[in-house]
Amino acid sequence: MDDREFTEWAAGCQRSLLRSAYLLTGDLHRAQDLVQEALVKVALRWPRLRAGNPTAYARKVVVNDNVSWWRRRRETTGHSGTESDESVPDGVSSDPVTALVVRRALMRLTPSQRAVLVLRHFDDLSERDTAEVLGVSVGTVKSQNAAALARLRTGAPELLDLIGGPHE
């Protein structure tokens, strides 16, 4: 394995992956664990992944591992696993009030809605790329995105207050 090439790639994408993982989980420590696991999995497959899109693979690992964790936790404890700490990774927001509003709003979504919203609007992936990362159809991405935005409009008006948007 080309250690230097992998190290440069990992350093370049780690912050973005951590932000995405944090927005998915609402928990900085779990987000850090998810990113670490994703980087390990990419490192193990680096010879095959480096010529393609290792960042997309790492995102997919983060999302899939988070869903697996969430399902295991829900099955064993009956708990949704949406508790969070007050730490916020770089790239989410330098304003703690904004970070808290965004985190609380995202935690009101289902895990699949949250994943679509984070990938589409925070990571700025296309519908096709989001579908590929999540292993679903583009139609599913569209419907989950629409449902998430509708849920946020009605269930998280503080987001509208934050951005100064009209209340419906």
N, C-alpha and C. Protein backbone atom coordinates (compact mmCIF):
# COMPACT_ATOMS: atom_id res chain seq x y z
N MET A 1 0.84 -1.18 0.00
CA MET A 1 0.00 0.00 0.00
C MET A 1 0.89 1.24 0.00
N ASP A 2 0.47 2.25 -0.75
CA ASP A 2 1.17 3.53 -0.77
C ASP A 2 0.71 4.33 0.44
N ASP A 3 1.49 4.26 1.53
CA ASP A 3 1.11 4.91 2.79
C ASP A 3 0.94 6.41 2.63
N ARG A 4 1.82 7.05 1.90
CA ARG A 4 1.76 8.49 1.74
C ARG A 4 0.49 8.91 1.01
N GLU A 5 0.16 8.20 -0.04
CA GLU A 5 -1.03 8.52 -0.82
C GLU A 5 -2.30 8.35 0.03
N PHE A 6 -2.37 7.26 0.77
CA PHE A 6 -3.52 7.04 1.64
C PHE A 6 -3.60 8.11 2.72
N THR A 7 -2.48 8.42 3.34
CA THR A 7 -2.44 9.42 4.41
C THR A 7 -2.92 10.79 3.91
N GLU A 8 -2.47 11.17 2.71
CA GLU A 8 -2.91 12.44 2.13
C GLU A 8 -4.41 12.43 1.86
N TRP A 9 -4.91 11.33 1.30
CA TRP A 9 -6.34 11.23 1.04
C TRP A 9 -7.12 11.31 2.36
N ALA A 10 -6.71 10.55 3.36
CA ALA A 10 -7.42 10.52 4.64
C ALA A 10 -7.42 11.90 5.30
N ALA A 11 -6.30 12.57 5.27
CA ALA A 11 -6.23 13.91 5.86
C ALA A 11 -7.15 14.88 5.14
N GLY A 12 -7.28 14.70 3.85
CA GLY A 12 -8.12 15.60 3.06
C GLY A 12 -9.61 15.39 3.23
N CYS A 13 -10.02 14.19 3.59
CA CYS A 13 -11.47 13.93 3.67
C CYS A 13 -11.97 13.70 5.09
N GLN A 14 -11.08 13.58 6.04
CA GLN A 14 -11.47 13.23 7.41
C GLN A 14 -12.42 14.25 8.02
N ARG A 15 -12.17 15.51 7.84
CA ARG A 15 -13.02 16.56 8.42
C ARG A 15 -14.44 16.49 7.86
N SER A 16 -14.55 16.31 6.55
CA SER A 16 -15.86 16.21 5.92
C SER A 16 -16.60 14.96 6.39
N LEU A 17 -15.90 13.86 6.49
CA LEU A 17 -16.52 12.62 6.97
C LEU A 17 -16.98 12.76 8.41
N LEU A 18 -16.18 13.43 9.23
CA LEU A 18 -16.56 13.62 10.63
C LEU A 18 -17.80 14.51 10.73
N ARG A 19 -17.86 15.56 9.95
CA ARG A 19 -19.04 16.42 9.97
C ARG A 19 -20.28 15.63 9.58
N SER A 20 -20.17 14.84 8.53
CA SER A 20 -21.31 14.03 8.09
C SER A 20 -21.72 13.03 9.16
N ALA A 21 -20.74 12.35 9.73
CA ALA A 21 -21.04 11.35 10.76
C ALA A 21 -21.68 12.00 11.97
N TYR A 22 -21.20 13.17 12.34
CA TYR A 22 -21.78 13.89 13.48
C TYR A 22 -23.22 14.29 13.19
N LEU A 23 -23.48 14.79 11.99
CA LEU A 23 -24.84 15.18 11.64
C LEU A 23 -25.77 13.98 11.59
N LEU A 24 -25.24 12.83 11.22
CA LEU A 24 -26.03 11.60 11.21
C LEU A 24 -26.35 11.11 12.62
N THR A 25 -25.38 11.25 13.52
CA THR A 25 -25.52 10.64 14.84
C THR A 25 -25.90 11.61 15.95
N GLY A 26 -25.47 12.86 15.83
CA GLY A 26 -25.66 13.81 16.91
C GLY A 26 -24.74 13.56 18.08
N ASP A 27 -23.77 12.69 17.91
CA ASP A 27 -22.87 12.31 18.99
C ASP A 27 -21.44 12.33 18.45
N LEU A 28 -20.63 13.25 18.96
CA LEU A 28 -19.27 13.41 18.44
C LEU A 28 -18.42 12.17 18.62
N HIS A 29 -18.53 11.52 19.76
CA HIS A 29 -17.70 10.33 20.00
C HIS A 29 -18.07 9.19 19.07
N ARG A 30 -19.35 8.97 18.88
CA ARG A 30 -19.77 7.92 17.95
C ARG A 30 -19.37 8.29 16.52
N ALA A 31 -19.49 9.58 16.19
CA ALA A 31 -19.08 10.03 14.85
C ALA A 31 -17.59 9.77 14.63
N GLN A 32 -16.77 10.05 15.64
CA GLN A 32 -15.33 9.79 15.52
C GLN A 32 -15.06 8.30 15.32
N ASP A 33 -15.80 7.47 16.06
CA ASP A 33 -15.64 6.01 15.89
C ASP A 33 -16.03 5.57 14.49
N LEU A 34 -17.13 6.10 13.98
CA LEU A 34 -17.58 5.74 12.63
C LEU A 34 -16.54 6.13 11.59
N VAL A 35 -15.98 7.30 11.71
CA VAL A 35 -14.97 7.76 10.75
C VAL A 35 -13.71 6.91 10.86
N GLN A 36 -13.31 6.60 12.07
CA GLN A 36 -12.12 5.76 12.25
C GLN A 36 -12.31 4.39 11.60
N GLU A 37 -13.47 3.79 11.83
CA GLU A 37 -13.76 2.49 11.21
C GLU A 37 -13.78 2.59 9.69
N ALA A 38 -14.36 3.66 9.17
CA ALA A 38 -14.41 3.84 7.72
C ALA A 38 -13.00 3.97 7.15
N LEU A 39 -12.14 4.73 7.82
CA LEU A 39 -10.77 4.89 7.33
C LEU A 39 -10.01 3.57 7.37
N VAL A 40 -10.25 2.78 8.40
CA VAL A 40 -9.61 1.46 8.47
C VAL A 40 -10.07 0.59 7.31
N LYS A 41 -11.37 0.59 7.03
CA LYS A 41 -11.91 -0.23 5.94
C LYS A 41 -11.39 0.24 4.59
N VAL A 42 -11.24 1.55 4.40
CA VAL A 42 -10.67 2.06 3.15
C VAL A 42 -9.20 1.66 3.07
N ALA A 43 -8.47 1.77 4.18
CA ALA A 43 -7.05 1.41 4.17
C ALA A 43 -6.85 -0.05 3.76
N LEU A 44 -7.71 -0.92 4.26
CA LEU A 44 -7.60 -2.34 3.92
C LEU A 44 -7.87 -2.60 2.44
N ARG A 45 -8.62 -1.73 1.82
CA ARG A 45 -8.99 -1.90 0.40
C ARG A 45 -8.34 -0.84 -0.50
N TRP A 46 -7.39 -0.11 0.04
CA TRP A 46 -6.79 1.01 -0.68
C TRP A 46 -6.29 0.66 -2.08
N PRO A 47 -5.61 -0.45 -2.30
CA PRO A 47 -5.13 -0.74 -3.66
C PRO A 47 -6.26 -0.77 -4.70
N ARG A 48 -7.44 -1.25 -4.30
CA ARG A 48 -8.58 -1.29 -5.24
C ARG A 48 -9.33 0.04 -5.29
N LEU A 49 -9.39 0.76 -4.18
CA LEU A 49 -10.21 1.96 -4.09
C LEU A 49 -9.53 3.22 -4.59
N ARG A 50 -8.22 3.29 -4.51
CA ARG A 50 -7.54 4.56 -4.76
C ARG A 50 -7.77 5.09 -6.18
N ALA A 51 -7.94 4.23 -7.15
CA ALA A 51 -8.15 4.69 -8.52
C ALA A 51 -9.60 5.11 -8.75
N GLY A 52 -10.49 4.73 -7.85
CA GLY A 52 -11.89 5.08 -8.00
C GLY A 52 -12.26 6.27 -7.14
N ASN A 53 -13.26 6.07 -6.28
CA ASN A 53 -13.73 7.13 -5.41
C ASN A 53 -13.74 6.64 -3.96
N PRO A 54 -12.57 6.67 -3.30
CA PRO A 54 -12.52 6.16 -1.93
C PRO A 54 -13.38 6.97 -0.96
N THR A 55 -13.60 8.25 -1.24
CA THR A 55 -14.43 9.06 -0.35
C THR A 55 -15.87 8.59 -0.37
N ALA A 56 -16.37 8.24 -1.55
CA ALA A 56 -17.75 7.72 -1.64
C ALA A 56 -17.86 6.40 -0.88
N TYR A 57 -16.85 5.57 -0.98
CA TYR A 57 -16.86 4.31 -0.25
C TYR A 57 -16.85 4.57 1.25
N ALA A 58 -16.02 5.52 1.69
CA ALA A 58 -15.94 5.84 3.12
C ALA A 58 -17.28 6.38 3.63
N ARG A 59 -17.94 7.22 2.83
CA ARG A 59 -19.26 7.74 3.22
C ARG A 59 -20.26 6.60 3.37
N LYS A 60 -20.20 5.67 2.44
CA LYS A 60 -21.11 4.54 2.48
C LYS A 60 -20.88 3.71 3.74
N VAL A 61 -19.63 3.51 4.10
CA VAL A 61 -19.29 2.78 5.32
C VAL A 61 -19.84 3.51 6.54
N VAL A 62 -19.65 4.82 6.59
CA VAL A 62 -20.15 5.61 7.73
C VAL A 62 -21.66 5.46 7.86
N VAL A 63 -22.36 5.63 6.76
CA VAL A 63 -23.83 5.55 6.78
C VAL A 63 -24.28 4.14 7.16
N ASN A 64 -23.73 3.14 6.52
CA ASN A 64 -24.14 1.75 6.79
C ASN A 64 -23.81 1.32 8.22
N ASP A 65 -22.63 1.68 8.70
CA ASP A 65 -22.26 1.32 10.07
C ASP A 65 -23.14 2.04 11.08
N ASN A 66 -23.51 3.28 10.78
CA ASN A 66 -24.41 4.01 11.68
C ASN A 66 -25.78 3.36 11.72
N VAL A 67 -26.31 2.98 10.57
CA VAL A 67 -27.62 2.32 10.53
C VAL A 67 -27.56 0.99 11.29
N SER A 68 -26.50 0.25 11.10
CA SER A 68 -26.35 -1.02 11.82
C SER A 68 -26.29 -0.80 13.32
N TRP A 69 -25.54 0.21 13.75
CA TRP A 69 -25.45 0.52 15.17
C TRP A 69 -26.82 0.90 15.72
N TRP A 70 -27.51 1.77 14.98
CA TRP A 70 -28.82 2.24 15.41
C TRP A 70 -29.80 1.07 15.55
N ARG A 71 -29.80 0.18 14.57
CA ARG A 71 -30.70 -0.99 14.62
C ARG A 71 -30.37 -1.90 15.80
N ARG A 72 -29.08 -2.18 16.00
CA ARG A 72 -28.68 -3.03 17.13
C ARG A 72 -29.09 -2.40 18.45
N ARG A 73 -28.86 -1.15 18.57
CA ARG A 73 -29.18 -0.45 19.83
C ARG A 73 -30.69 -0.44 20.07
N ARG A 74 -31.45 -0.19 19.04
CA ARG A 74 -32.90 -0.15 19.16
C ARG A 74 -33.43 -1.53 19.53
N GLU A 75 -32.89 -2.57 18.93
CA GLU A 75 -33.35 -3.94 19.20
C GLU A 75 -32.99 -4.39 20.62
N THR A 76 -31.82 -4.00 21.11
CA THR A 76 -31.39 -4.50 22.41
C THR A 76 -31.88 -3.65 23.57
N THR A 77 -32.10 -2.34 23.34
CA THR A 77 -32.48 -1.48 24.45
C THR A 77 -33.84 -0.82 24.29
N GLY A 78 -34.39 -0.87 23.08
CA GLY A 78 -35.63 -0.16 22.83
C GLY A 78 -35.43 1.34 22.80
N HIS A 79 -34.19 1.79 22.69
CA HIS A 79 -33.85 3.21 22.72
C HIS A 79 -33.43 3.65 21.33
N SER A 80 -33.79 4.86 20.98
CA SER A 80 -33.47 5.36 19.63
C SER A 80 -32.02 5.72 19.45
N GLY A 81 -31.29 5.96 20.54
CA GLY A 81 -29.87 6.28 20.41
C GLY A 81 -29.61 7.68 19.89
N THR A 82 -30.47 8.64 20.23
CA THR A 82 -30.26 9.98 19.73
C THR A 82 -29.70 10.92 20.78
N GLU A 83 -29.21 10.39 21.89
CA GLU A 83 -28.58 11.27 22.86
C GLU A 83 -27.32 11.85 22.24
N SER A 84 -26.93 13.00 22.75
CA SER A 84 -25.77 13.64 22.15
C SER A 84 -24.97 14.36 23.21
N ASP A 85 -23.75 14.66 22.86
CA ASP A 85 -22.95 15.47 23.75
C ASP A 85 -22.95 16.90 23.21
N GLU A 86 -22.30 17.78 23.91
CA GLU A 86 -22.30 19.18 23.50
C GLU A 86 -21.11 19.52 22.60
N SER A 87 -20.20 18.58 22.37
CA SER A 87 -19.06 18.84 21.51
C SER A 87 -19.51 18.84 20.06
N VAL A 88 -18.90 19.70 19.28
CA VAL A 88 -19.26 19.83 17.87
C VAL A 88 -17.97 19.80 17.06
N PRO A 89 -17.92 18.97 16.01
CA PRO A 89 -16.70 18.94 15.19
C PRO A 89 -16.59 20.19 14.33
N ASP A 90 -15.37 20.50 13.91
CA ASP A 90 -15.16 21.60 12.98
C ASP A 90 -15.99 21.37 11.73
N GLY A 91 -16.50 22.45 11.16
CA GLY A 91 -17.24 22.34 9.92
C GLY A 91 -18.74 22.24 10.11
N VAL A 92 -19.24 22.02 11.34
CA VAL A 92 -20.68 22.00 11.56
C VAL A 92 -21.16 23.43 11.73
N SER A 93 -20.67 24.13 12.73
CA SER A 93 -20.98 25.54 12.93
C SER A 93 -20.09 26.07 14.03
N SER A 94 -19.63 27.29 13.87
CA SER A 94 -18.83 27.89 14.93
C SER A 94 -19.74 28.50 15.99
N ASP A 95 -21.03 28.65 15.67
CA ASP A 95 -22.01 29.18 16.61
C ASP A 95 -22.69 28.03 17.34
N PRO A 96 -22.52 27.93 18.66
CA PRO A 96 -23.10 26.80 19.39
C PRO A 96 -24.63 26.75 19.31
N VAL A 97 -25.28 27.90 19.23
CA VAL A 97 -26.75 27.91 19.13
C VAL A 97 -27.18 27.30 17.80
N THR A 98 -26.52 27.70 16.73
CA THR A 98 -26.83 27.15 15.41
C THR A 98 -26.59 25.65 15.39
N ALA A 99 -25.46 25.22 15.92
CA ALA A 99 -25.14 23.80 15.95
C ALA A 99 -26.19 23.01 16.72
N LEU A 100 -26.64 23.54 17.84
CA LEU A 100 -27.65 22.87 18.65
C LEU A 100 -28.99 22.79 17.92
N VAL A 101 -29.39 23.87 17.27
CA VAL A 101 -30.66 23.88 16.52
C VAL A 101 -30.62 22.86 15.39
N VAL A 102 -29.52 22.84 14.65
CA VAL A 102 -29.40 21.89 13.53
C VAL A 102 -29.40 20.46 14.05
N ARG A 103 -28.63 20.20 15.11
CA ARG A 103 -28.56 18.84 15.66
C ARG A 103 -29.92 18.37 16.15
N ARG A 104 -30.61 19.20 16.89
CA ARG A 104 -31.93 18.82 17.40
C ARG A 104 -32.93 18.60 16.27
N ALA A 105 -32.87 19.43 15.25
CA ALA A 105 -33.78 19.27 14.12
C ALA A 105 -33.50 17.95 13.39
N LEU A 106 -32.23 17.64 13.15
CA LEU A 106 -31.88 16.41 12.46
C LEU A 106 -32.28 15.18 13.26
N MET A 107 -32.22 15.26 14.57
CA MET A 107 -32.57 14.12 15.41
C MET A 107 -34.07 13.82 15.38
N ARG A 108 -34.88 14.74 14.86
CA ARG A 108 -36.32 14.51 14.73
C ARG A 108 -36.65 13.66 13.50
N LEU A 109 -35.68 13.47 12.65
CA LEU A 109 -35.89 12.71 11.42
C LEU A 109 -35.61 11.23 11.65
N THR A 110 -36.15 10.40 10.76
CA THR A 110 -35.80 8.99 10.80
C THR A 110 -34.34 8.87 10.35
N PRO A 111 -33.68 7.78 10.68
CA PRO A 111 -32.29 7.63 10.23
C PRO A 111 -32.13 7.72 8.71
N SER A 112 -33.06 7.18 7.95
CA SER A 112 -32.93 7.24 6.49
C SER A 112 -33.15 8.67 5.98
N GLN A 113 -34.11 9.38 6.56
CA GLN A 113 -34.32 10.78 6.17
C GLN A 113 -33.09 11.61 6.51
N ARG A 114 -32.55 11.39 7.69
CA ARG A 114 -31.36 12.13 8.14
C ARG A 114 -30.19 11.86 7.20
N ALA A 115 -30.00 10.60 6.83
CA ALA A 115 -28.89 10.26 5.93
C ALA A 115 -29.04 10.97 4.59
N VAL A 116 -30.24 10.95 4.04
CA VAL A 116 -30.47 11.62 2.75
C VAL A 116 -30.21 13.12 2.88
N LEU A 117 -30.75 13.72 3.91
CA LEU A 117 -30.59 15.16 4.09
C LEU A 117 -29.12 15.55 4.27
N VAL A 118 -28.39 14.80 5.07
CA VAL A 118 -26.97 15.10 5.29
C VAL A 118 -26.19 14.95 3.99
N LEU A 119 -26.40 13.86 3.28
CA LEU A 119 -25.65 13.64 2.04
C LEU A 119 -26.01 14.65 0.95
N ARG A 120 -27.29 14.95 0.82
CA ARG A 120 -27.74 15.87 -0.23
C ARG A 120 -27.41 17.33 0.08
N HIS A 121 -27.69 17.77 1.31
CA HIS A 121 -27.62 19.19 1.59
C HIS A 121 -26.38 19.64 2.36
N PHE A 122 -25.78 18.77 3.12
CA PHE A 122 -24.56 19.14 3.83
C PHE A 122 -23.32 18.70 3.06
N ASP A 123 -23.38 17.50 2.46
CA ASP A 123 -22.25 17.02 1.67
C ASP A 123 -22.37 17.41 0.20
N ASP A 124 -23.53 17.95 -0.17
CA ASP A 124 -23.78 18.45 -1.53
C ASP A 124 -23.61 17.37 -2.60
N LEU A 125 -24.06 16.15 -2.28
CA LEU A 125 -24.04 15.08 -3.27
C LEU A 125 -25.27 15.18 -4.16
N SER A 126 -25.15 14.72 -5.38
CA SER A 126 -26.30 14.67 -6.28
C SER A 126 -27.26 13.58 -5.80
N GLU A 127 -28.46 13.59 -6.34
CA GLU A 127 -29.42 12.54 -6.00
C GLU A 127 -28.86 11.17 -6.37
N ARG A 128 -28.22 11.08 -7.52
CA ARG A 128 -27.65 9.82 -7.99
C ARG A 128 -26.54 9.34 -7.06
N ASP A 129 -25.64 10.26 -6.68
CA ASP A 129 -24.55 9.89 -5.79
C ASP A 129 -25.07 9.50 -4.41
N THR A 130 -26.07 10.22 -3.93
CA THR A 130 -26.68 9.88 -2.64
C THR A 130 -27.29 8.50 -2.70
N ALA A 131 -28.00 8.21 -3.77
CA ALA A 131 -28.61 6.88 -3.94
C ALA A 131 -27.55 5.79 -3.95
N GLU A 132 -26.43 6.06 -4.61
CA GLU A 132 -25.34 5.08 -4.67
C GLU A 132 -24.75 4.83 -3.29
N VAL A 133 -24.50 5.89 -2.53
CA VAL A 133 -23.93 5.74 -1.19
C VAL A 133 -24.88 4.95 -0.30
N LEU A 134 -26.18 5.25 -0.40
CA LEU A 134 -27.16 4.59 0.47
C LEU A 134 -27.62 3.23 -0.05
N GLY A 135 -27.31 2.93 -1.31
CA GLY A 135 -27.75 1.65 -1.87
C GLY A 135 -29.24 1.60 -2.12
N VAL A 136 -29.82 2.75 -2.51
CA VAL A 136 -31.24 2.84 -2.79
C VAL A 136 -31.44 3.47 -4.16
N SER A 137 -32.69 3.55 -4.60
CA SER A 137 -32.97 4.17 -5.89
C SER A 137 -33.00 5.69 -5.77
N VAL A 138 -32.88 6.37 -6.90
CA VAL A 138 -32.96 7.82 -6.93
C VAL A 138 -34.36 8.26 -6.47
N GLY A 139 -35.38 7.49 -6.83
CA GLY A 139 -36.74 7.80 -6.38
C GLY A 139 -36.86 7.78 -4.86
N THR A 140 -36.19 6.84 -4.22
CA THR A 140 -36.20 6.77 -2.77
C THR A 140 -35.51 7.99 -2.17
N VAL A 141 -34.41 8.40 -2.76
CA VAL A 141 -33.71 9.61 -2.30
C VAL A 141 -34.65 10.80 -2.40
N LYS A 142 -35.34 10.93 -3.53
CA LYS A 142 -36.25 12.06 -3.73
C LYS A 142 -37.38 12.04 -2.70
N SER A 143 -37.97 10.89 -2.50
CA SER A 143 -39.10 10.83 -1.56
C SER A 143 -38.65 11.04 -0.11
N GLN A 144 -37.51 10.47 0.26
CA GLN A 144 -37.00 10.66 1.63
C GLN A 144 -36.60 12.12 1.86
N ASN A 145 -36.02 12.75 0.84
CA ASN A 145 -35.65 14.16 0.95
C ASN A 145 -36.89 15.02 1.13
N ALA A 146 -37.91 14.78 0.32
CA ALA A 146 -39.14 15.56 0.42
C ALA A 146 -39.80 15.35 1.79
N ALA A 147 -39.84 14.11 2.26
CA ALA A 147 -40.44 13.82 3.56
C ALA A 147 -39.66 14.49 4.69
N ALA A 148 -38.33 14.46 4.59
CA ALA A 148 -37.49 15.08 5.62
C ALA A 148 -37.70 16.59 5.66
N LEU A 149 -37.72 17.21 4.50
CA LEU A 149 -37.91 18.66 4.47
C LEU A 149 -39.30 19.04 4.98
N ALA A 150 -40.31 18.26 4.63
CA ALA A 150 -41.66 18.53 5.13
C ALA A 150 -41.71 18.39 6.65
N ARG A 151 -41.07 17.35 7.15
CA ARG A 151 -41.05 17.12 8.60
C ARG A 151 -40.34 18.26 9.32
N LEU A 152 -39.26 18.76 8.73
CA LEU A 152 -38.53 19.87 9.34
C LEU A 152 -39.36 21.16 9.30
N ARG A 153 -40.09 21.38 8.21
CA ARG A 153 -40.93 22.57 8.10
C ARG A 153 -41.98 22.61 9.20
N THR A 154 -42.58 21.46 9.48
CA THR A 154 -43.65 21.43 10.48
C THR A 154 -43.13 21.15 11.89
N GLY A 155 -42.09 20.38 12.02
CA GLY A 155 -41.63 19.95 13.34
C GLY A 155 -40.44 20.69 13.89
N ALA A 156 -39.81 21.53 13.08
CA ALA A 156 -38.62 22.24 13.56
C ALA A 156 -38.67 23.70 13.10
N PRO A 157 -39.68 24.45 13.54
CA PRO A 157 -39.78 25.85 13.10
C PRO A 157 -38.60 26.71 13.54
N GLU A 158 -37.86 26.23 14.54
CA GLU A 158 -36.68 27.01 14.97
C GLU A 158 -35.64 27.11 13.86
N LEU A 159 -35.65 26.16 12.92
CA LEU A 159 -34.75 26.26 11.77
C LEU A 159 -35.14 27.46 10.91
N LEU A 160 -36.44 27.64 10.72
CA LEU A 160 -36.90 28.79 9.95
C LEU A 160 -36.55 30.10 10.66
N ASP A 161 -36.67 30.09 11.99
CA ASP A 161 -36.26 31.28 12.75
C ASP A 161 -34.78 31.55 12.55
N LEU A 162 -34.00 30.49 12.53
CA LEU A 162 -32.55 30.61 12.40
C LEU A 162 -32.16 31.20 11.06
N ILE A 163 -32.83 30.74 10.00
CA ILE A 163 -32.46 31.21 8.65
C ILE A 163 -33.35 32.35 8.17
N GLY A 164 -34.35 32.71 8.98
CA GLY A 164 -35.22 33.83 8.61
C GLY A 164 -36.21 33.49 7.53
N GLY A 165 -36.56 32.22 7.39
CA GLY A 165 -37.49 31.80 6.35
C GLY A 165 -38.94 32.00 6.79
N PRO A 166 -39.86 31.94 5.84
CA PRO A 166 -41.28 32.11 6.16
C PRO A 166 -41.84 30.89 6.84
N HIS A 167 -42.71 31.09 7.78
CA HIS A 167 -43.40 29.98 8.44
C HIS A 167 -44.63 29.63 7.62
N GLU A 168 -44.86 28.33 7.46
CA GLU A 168 -46.03 27.90 6.69
C GLU A 168 -47.16 27.54 7.60
